[in-house]
Amino acid sequence: MRKNLHGMFGFSILALDGELGKVKDFYFDDENWTLRYLVVQTGSWLLGRKVLISFASVTGLDWEAGAFSVNLSCEQVRNSPDIDTEKPVCRQHELELHEHYMLPAYWINAPGIVWGIDNYPFAEIPEPEEEKEAAKREVPASDDRHLRSVRQIIGYLIHATDGEIGHVKDFIVEVKNWTVTFLLVDTRSLLAGRKVLLPTEKIKRLEWDDSEVYVNVSREFIINSPEFDLDKDL
């Protein structure tokens, strides 16, 4: 099942004992284009604090109701590490989160890790002690960062092998494993604003300073891609 991420901004997060807040953003791993966390704007119960919720805790998605279900309690979230979501999140911060929620560390490919909403509750999968130690060893000495904001990338210019062509309009994800499979590209004035899909496997690099996505295909490749309609094609 494929869904677009922009349509999930504002979705509710339903804990085991109440609503946690609303989805403000998503963080994805720029090494393999997999969603890792929801950025949740909490309500008055937590003074509007923003918190990170791992996709490993997601147990369901109700598209019509606009809500994610998670196997966490409000108290667990209240006592979670206070991470500044306005700044890049480093691996050390992730380790603190995973230790708090007792989740395996995805960055070492620990056995039993399943991304997506199948085969949950995820948090009940035990993590061997050796995996915990390996996760700590994998935390780099430098402030290495691999998480990127979806909201930040939307609007980035698309730079083909032979020039600029449009901008990032949205992200298309496969819900089964929360992998970003396509970027939705708005070609703007070049093709009267046609929207086409660009496979993430065609992305060469992201330039954060210039707000550009460099891809290893030509403008012609994008021009000749079939038009994509969110309302009809998802």
Protein backbone atom coordinates (compact mmCIF):
# COMPACT_ATOMS: atom_id res chain seq x y z
CA MET A 1 0.00 0.00 0.00
CA ARG A 2 1.42 3.34 -1.06
CA LYS A 3 0.63 6.67 0.63
CA ASN A 4 1.86 10.23 0.35
CA LEU A 5 3.47 11.84 3.38
CA HIS A 6 2.21 15.39 2.93
CA GLY A 7 -1.30 14.04 3.37
CA MET A 8 -0.32 12.69 6.80
CA PHE A 9 0.80 15.99 8.28
CA GLY A 10 -1.67 16.74 11.07
CA PHE A 11 -2.64 13.10 11.64
CA SER A 12 -3.42 12.21 15.25
CA ILE A 13 -1.16 9.91 17.28
CA LEU A 14 -3.22 7.56 19.43
CA ALA A 15 -1.43 6.05 22.41
CA LEU A 16 -2.76 3.14 24.48
CA ASP A 17 -4.41 5.56 26.88
CA GLY A 18 -5.18 8.70 24.91
CA GLU A 19 -4.10 11.04 22.14
CA LEU A 20 -0.46 12.13 22.18
CA GLY A 21 -0.72 14.93 19.63
CA LYS A 22 -0.45 15.62 15.91
CA VAL A 23 2.13 14.70 13.28
CA LYS A 24 4.32 17.72 12.57
CA ASP A 25 7.01 16.09 10.43
CA PHE A 26 8.74 12.83 9.55
CA TYR A 27 12.43 11.95 9.77
CA PHE A 28 13.94 9.57 7.24
CA ASP A 29 17.33 7.89 7.11
CA ASP A 30 19.25 9.44 4.22
CA GLU A 31 21.34 6.29 3.79
CA ASN A 32 18.49 4.07 2.62
CA TRP A 33 15.40 6.32 2.36
CA THR A 34 13.50 4.64 5.19
CA LEU A 35 11.24 6.53 7.57
CA ARG A 36 12.48 6.28 11.16
CA TYR A 37 10.49 8.73 13.30
CA LEU A 38 7.32 10.76 13.49
CA VAL A 39 7.79 14.25 14.89
CA VAL A 40 4.77 14.77 17.12
CA GLN A 41 3.49 18.12 18.39
CA THR A 42 1.98 17.23 21.75
CA GLY A 43 -1.01 18.94 23.23
CA SER A 44 -1.42 20.91 26.44
CA TRP A 45 -0.88 17.74 28.50
CA LEU A 46 2.85 18.00 27.70
CA LEU A 47 3.03 21.79 27.28
CA GLY A 48 3.13 21.47 23.49
CA ARG A 49 6.52 19.75 23.53
CA LYS A 50 7.64 18.04 20.30
CA VAL A 51 8.66 14.41 20.67
CA LEU A 52 10.04 11.70 18.42
CA ILE A 53 8.09 8.47 18.03
CA SER A 54 9.82 5.58 16.29
CA PHE A 55 7.99 3.87 13.45
CA ALA A 56 8.86 0.69 15.32
CA SER A 57 6.08 1.67 17.76
CA VAL A 58 3.40 2.17 15.08
CA THR A 59 0.75 -0.56 15.17
CA GLY A 60 -1.77 0.84 12.72
CA LEU A 61 -2.72 3.59 10.31
CA ASP A 62 -6.33 4.68 9.83
CA TRP A 63 -6.22 6.81 6.70
CA GLU A 64 -9.88 7.80 6.81
CA ALA A 65 -9.75 8.81 10.48
CA GLY A 66 -6.36 10.46 10.00
CA ALA A 67 -4.65 8.64 12.86
CA PHE A 68 -1.62 6.51 13.70
CA SER A 69 -1.91 4.00 16.55
CA VAL A 70 1.17 3.33 18.68
CA ASN A 71 1.85 0.79 21.41
CA LEU A 72 3.05 3.41 23.89
CA SER A 73 1.43 5.04 26.90
CA CYS A 74 1.27 8.77 27.51
CA GLU A 75 3.45 8.27 30.57
CA GLN A 76 6.19 6.61 28.51
CA VAL A 77 6.21 9.57 26.16
CA ARG A 78 6.12 12.06 29.03
CA ASN A 79 9.31 10.53 30.46
CA SER A 80 11.10 10.19 27.10
CA PRO A 81 14.42 11.99 26.47
CA ASP A 82 13.94 15.66 25.68
CA ILE A 83 15.37 16.07 22.17
CA ASP A 84 15.38 19.37 20.34
CA THR A 85 13.55 18.53 17.09
CA GLU A 86 14.50 21.90 15.62
CA LYS A 87 18.10 20.69 15.36
CA PRO A 88 19.57 17.68 13.51
CA VAL A 89 19.26 14.47 15.51
CA CYS A 90 22.51 12.57 16.04
CA ARG A 91 22.94 8.84 16.59
CA GLN A 92 23.61 9.37 20.32
CA HIS A 93 20.14 10.91 20.68
CA GLU A 94 18.66 7.94 18.84
CA LEU A 95 20.39 5.54 21.20
CA GLU A 96 18.83 7.33 24.18
CA LEU A 97 15.39 7.02 22.61
CA HIS A 98 15.79 3.35 21.80
CA GLU A 99 17.03 2.57 25.30
CA HIS A 100 14.09 4.44 26.83
CA TYR A 101 11.50 2.59 24.73
CA MET A 102 13.47 -0.69 24.78
CA LEU A 103 13.60 -0.94 20.99
CA PRO A 104 16.26 -2.70 18.92
CA ALA A 105 18.70 -0.42 17.12
CA TYR A 106 17.88 -0.46 13.40
CA TRP A 107 21.36 0.82 12.45
CA ILE A 108 23.02 -2.50 13.25
CA ASN A 109 20.37 -4.58 11.47
CA ALA A 110 19.48 -6.39 14.66
CA PRO A 111 17.65 -9.74 14.10
CA GLY A 112 13.88 -9.54 14.28
CA ILE A 113 13.54 -5.91 13.20
CA VAL A 114 10.50 -5.40 11.00
CA TRP A 115 9.54 -1.98 9.67
CA GLY A 116 5.91 -1.35 8.82
CA ILE A 117 2.61 -2.05 10.49
CA ASP A 118 2.60 -5.82 9.99
CA ASN A 119 3.71 -8.34 12.62
CA TYR A 120 3.41 -6.00 15.61
CA PRO A 121 3.52 -5.24 18.57
CA PHE A 122 7.14 -4.54 17.69
CA ALA A 123 8.31 -3.51 21.16
CA GLU A 124 7.72 -7.05 22.47
CA ILE A 125 10.52 -8.39 20.26
CA PRO A 126 13.40 -9.01 22.68
CA GLU A 127 16.79 -7.54 21.98
CA PRO A 128 19.72 -9.72 23.04
CA GLU A 129 22.29 -8.11 25.31
CA GLU A 130 24.94 -8.48 22.62
CA GLU A 131 22.77 -6.41 20.27
CA LYS A 132 22.51 -3.64 22.84
CA GLU A 133 26.26 -3.54 23.23
CA ALA A 134 26.72 -3.56 19.45
CA ALA A 135 24.35 -0.60 19.14
CA LYS A 136 26.47 1.39 21.56
CA ARG A 137 29.66 0.49 19.72
CA GLU A 138 28.09 1.67 16.47
CA VAL A 139 27.57 5.19 17.83
CA PRO A 140 30.32 7.22 16.10
CA ALA A 141 32.67 9.42 18.07
CA SER A 142 31.86 12.35 15.80
CA ASP A 143 28.42 13.91 15.75
CA ASP A 144 27.34 11.79 12.79
CA ARG A 145 23.83 12.54 11.50
CA HIS A 146 21.73 10.53 9.10
CA LEU A 147 18.20 11.73 9.81
CA ARG A 148 16.58 14.30 7.54
CA SER A 149 13.31 16.19 7.73
CA VAL A 150 10.63 15.44 5.13
CA ARG A 151 9.11 18.88 5.60
CA GLN A 152 12.51 20.44 4.89
CA ILE A 153 13.02 18.52 1.63
CA ILE A 154 9.60 19.40 0.21
CA GLY A 155 10.25 22.35 -2.08
CA TYR A 156 13.85 21.40 -2.92
CA LEU A 157 14.79 21.91 -6.58
CA ILE A 158 15.31 18.84 -8.76
CA HIS A 159 18.60 19.02 -10.66
CA ALA A 160 18.79 16.52 -13.55
CA THR A 161 22.01 15.60 -15.37
CA ASP A 162 21.35 18.41 -17.85
CA GLY A 163 19.74 21.09 -15.73
CA GLU A 164 17.02 22.01 -13.29
CA ILE A 165 13.50 20.66 -13.70
CA GLY A 166 10.87 21.34 -11.06
CA HIS A 167 10.83 20.76 -7.33
CA VAL A 168 9.91 18.16 -4.71
CA LYS A 169 6.16 18.24 -4.11
CA ASP A 170 5.70 15.19 -1.89
CA PHE A 171 7.08 11.82 -0.76
CA ILE A 172 5.46 8.50 -1.70
CA VAL A 173 6.03 5.68 0.80
CA GLU A 174 5.35 1.97 0.93
CA VAL A 175 3.49 1.51 4.21
CA LYS A 176 4.47 -2.15 4.47
CA ASN A 177 8.04 -1.19 5.36
CA TRP A 178 7.91 2.66 5.52
CA THR A 179 10.37 2.99 2.67
CA VAL A 180 10.31 6.13 0.53
CA THR A 181 9.93 4.69 -2.97
CA PHE A 182 9.32 7.87 -4.98
CA LEU A 183 9.53 11.63 -4.86
CA LEU A 184 6.57 13.42 -6.40
CA VAL A 185 8.07 16.06 -8.70
CA ASP A 186 6.19 19.17 -9.74
CA THR A 187 7.65 20.19 -13.12
CA ARG A 188 6.26 23.71 -12.66
CA SER A 189 6.10 25.97 -15.73
CA LEU A 190 8.14 23.65 -17.97
CA LEU A 191 5.28 21.19 -18.41
CA ALA A 192 2.39 23.31 -17.18
CA GLY A 193 2.85 21.99 -13.68
CA ARG A 194 2.66 18.27 -14.47
CA LYS A 195 3.43 16.03 -11.51
CA VAL A 196 5.47 12.87 -12.08
CA LEU A 197 7.10 10.22 -9.93
CA LEU A 198 10.87 9.98 -9.57
CA PRO A 199 12.21 6.71 -8.07
CA THR A 200 14.47 7.37 -5.10
CA GLU A 201 16.97 4.93 -6.60
CA LYS A 202 17.64 7.63 -9.20
CA ILE A 203 18.72 10.14 -6.55
CA LYS A 204 22.46 10.78 -6.52
CA ARG A 205 22.74 13.17 -3.61
CA LEU A 206 21.01 15.87 -1.56
CA GLU A 207 22.62 19.28 -1.29
CA TRP A 208 21.42 20.78 1.99
CA ASP A 209 23.16 24.13 1.57
CA ASP A 210 21.69 24.70 -1.90
CA SER A 211 18.29 23.05 -1.24
CA GLU A 212 18.66 20.82 -4.29
CA VAL A 213 18.18 17.15 -5.11
CA TYR A 214 20.64 15.87 -7.72
CA VAL A 215 19.43 12.91 -9.78
CA ASN A 216 21.21 10.70 -12.30
CA VAL A 217 18.56 11.01 -15.02
CA SER A 218 18.02 13.59 -17.74
CA ARG A 219 15.32 16.21 -17.98
CA GLU A 220 13.89 14.18 -20.86
CA PHE A 221 13.49 11.16 -18.56
CA ILE A 222 11.36 13.25 -16.20
CA ILE A 223 9.47 14.97 -19.02
CA ASN A 224 8.50 11.61 -20.52
CA SER A 225 7.40 10.10 -17.20
CA PRO A 226 3.64 9.51 -16.95
CA GLU A 227 1.66 12.11 -15.07
CA PHE A 228 0.73 11.13 -11.53
CA ASP A 229 -2.53 12.07 -9.80
CA LEU A 230 -2.57 11.63 -6.01
CA ASP A 231 -6.35 11.31 -5.92
CA LYS A 232 -6.50 8.61 -8.60
CA ASP A 233 -3.20 6.77 -8.46
CA LEU A 234 -2.90 6.02 -4.74
